[in-house]
Amino acid sequence: MPERRNPTRVVPRRISAHRDNVMARTLPKPPWKTANPKTKTGRSRKLTSTQKSKARKAAKKAGRRYPNLVDNMRVTAEARRKSQ
């Protein structure tokens, strides 16, 4: 009897770049598995009180008690887009 595949196993999708499928790339790593970014000063920047309240609001909307990494990243990215 052939073995059954586990349906919950996550396999990275491969996206063919060429007809020959010579180059292929996988999905990027999730943010909690990547290294901390290096800034010009060599340390991370703190969120402002406005950014903290936006992150808290997003967490509450999602049903979480406290904001997580994704909420904080979304707020900082939004601020970065506005400044450019």
Protein backbone atom coordinates (compact mmCIF):
# COMPACT_ATOMS: atom_id res chain seq x y z
CA MET A 1 0.00 0.00 0.00
CA PRO A 2 1.48 3.41 -0.95
CA GLU A 3 2.24 5.92 1.79
CA ARG A 4 -0.16 8.80 2.23
CA ARG A 5 1.13 12.32 2.22
CA ASN A 6 0.63 14.48 5.26
CA PRO A 7 -1.77 17.29 4.17
CA THR A 8 -0.55 19.66 6.89
CA ARG A 9 3.08 19.57 5.75
CA VAL A 10 4.12 22.90 4.26
CA VAL A 11 6.24 22.66 1.13
CA PRO A 12 7.73 25.86 -0.34
CA ARG A 13 6.25 26.68 -3.71
CA ARG A 14 8.64 26.99 -6.58
CA ILE A 15 8.05 29.69 -9.14
CA SER A 16 9.66 29.00 -12.49
CA ALA A 17 11.53 31.95 -13.91
CA HIS A 18 12.39 30.37 -17.26
CA ARG A 19 10.90 27.94 -19.63
CA ASP A 20 13.58 25.39 -18.68
CA ASN A 21 12.86 25.90 -14.98
CA VAL A 22 16.57 26.61 -14.54
CA MET A 23 16.06 29.33 -11.97
CA ALA A 24 13.54 28.88 -9.22
CA ARG A 25 12.94 30.75 -5.99
CA THR A 26 11.16 29.87 -2.80
CA LEU A 27 8.92 31.97 -0.61
CA PRO A 28 10.66 34.47 1.72
CA LYS A 29 11.25 33.68 5.40
CA PRO A 30 8.67 34.89 7.91
CA PRO A 31 9.72 38.01 9.85
CA TRP A 32 10.24 36.16 13.14
CA LYS A 33 12.89 33.94 11.51
CA THR A 34 14.94 36.76 9.95
CA ALA A 35 17.79 38.62 11.62
CA ASN A 36 17.26 42.08 13.08
CA PRO A 37 17.92 44.88 10.59
CA LYS A 38 21.11 46.90 10.91
CA THR A 39 20.46 50.64 11.14
CA LYS A 40 22.93 53.47 10.65
CA THR A 41 23.27 53.91 14.40
CA GLY A 42 23.49 50.16 15.01
CA ARG A 43 20.40 49.93 17.20
CA SER A 44 16.67 49.67 16.71
CA ARG A 45 14.37 52.68 16.83
CA LYS A 46 11.56 52.88 19.31
CA LEU A 47 7.94 53.38 18.29
CA THR A 48 6.41 56.76 18.97
CA SER A 49 3.31 56.99 21.16
CA THR A 50 1.15 57.49 18.05
CA GLN A 51 2.63 54.40 16.42
CA LYS A 52 2.09 52.40 19.61
CA SER A 53 -1.58 53.38 19.74
CA LYS A 54 -2.04 52.43 16.06
CA ALA A 55 -0.44 49.03 16.72
CA ARG A 56 -2.65 48.49 19.78
CA LYS A 57 -5.72 49.42 17.74
CA ALA A 58 -4.76 46.92 15.01
CA ALA A 59 -4.22 44.20 17.61
CA LYS A 60 -7.56 44.86 19.25
CA LYS A 61 -9.28 44.75 15.86
CA ALA A 62 -7.64 41.36 15.22
CA GLY A 63 -8.79 40.08 18.61
CA ARG A 64 -5.42 40.14 20.34
CA ARG A 65 -4.75 41.66 23.72
CA TYR A 66 -1.33 43.05 22.82
CA PRO A 67 0.26 44.04 19.47
CA ASN A 68 2.64 41.52 17.95
CA LEU A 69 5.64 41.88 15.64
CA VAL A 70 3.49 42.10 12.51
CA ASP A 71 1.41 44.96 13.94
CA ASN A 72 4.57 46.87 14.83
CA MET A 73 6.11 46.23 11.42
CA ARG A 74 2.96 47.43 9.66
CA VAL A 75 2.95 50.68 11.63
CA THR A 76 6.64 51.39 10.95
CA ALA A 77 6.26 50.60 7.25
CA GLU A 78 3.29 52.95 7.05
CA ALA A 79 5.33 55.73 8.68
CA ARG A 80 8.23 55.07 6.30
CA ARG A 81 5.93 55.29 3.25
CA LYS A 82 4.49 58.61 4.45
CA SER A 83 7.94 60.12 4.97
CA GLN A 84 9.09 59.28 1.43
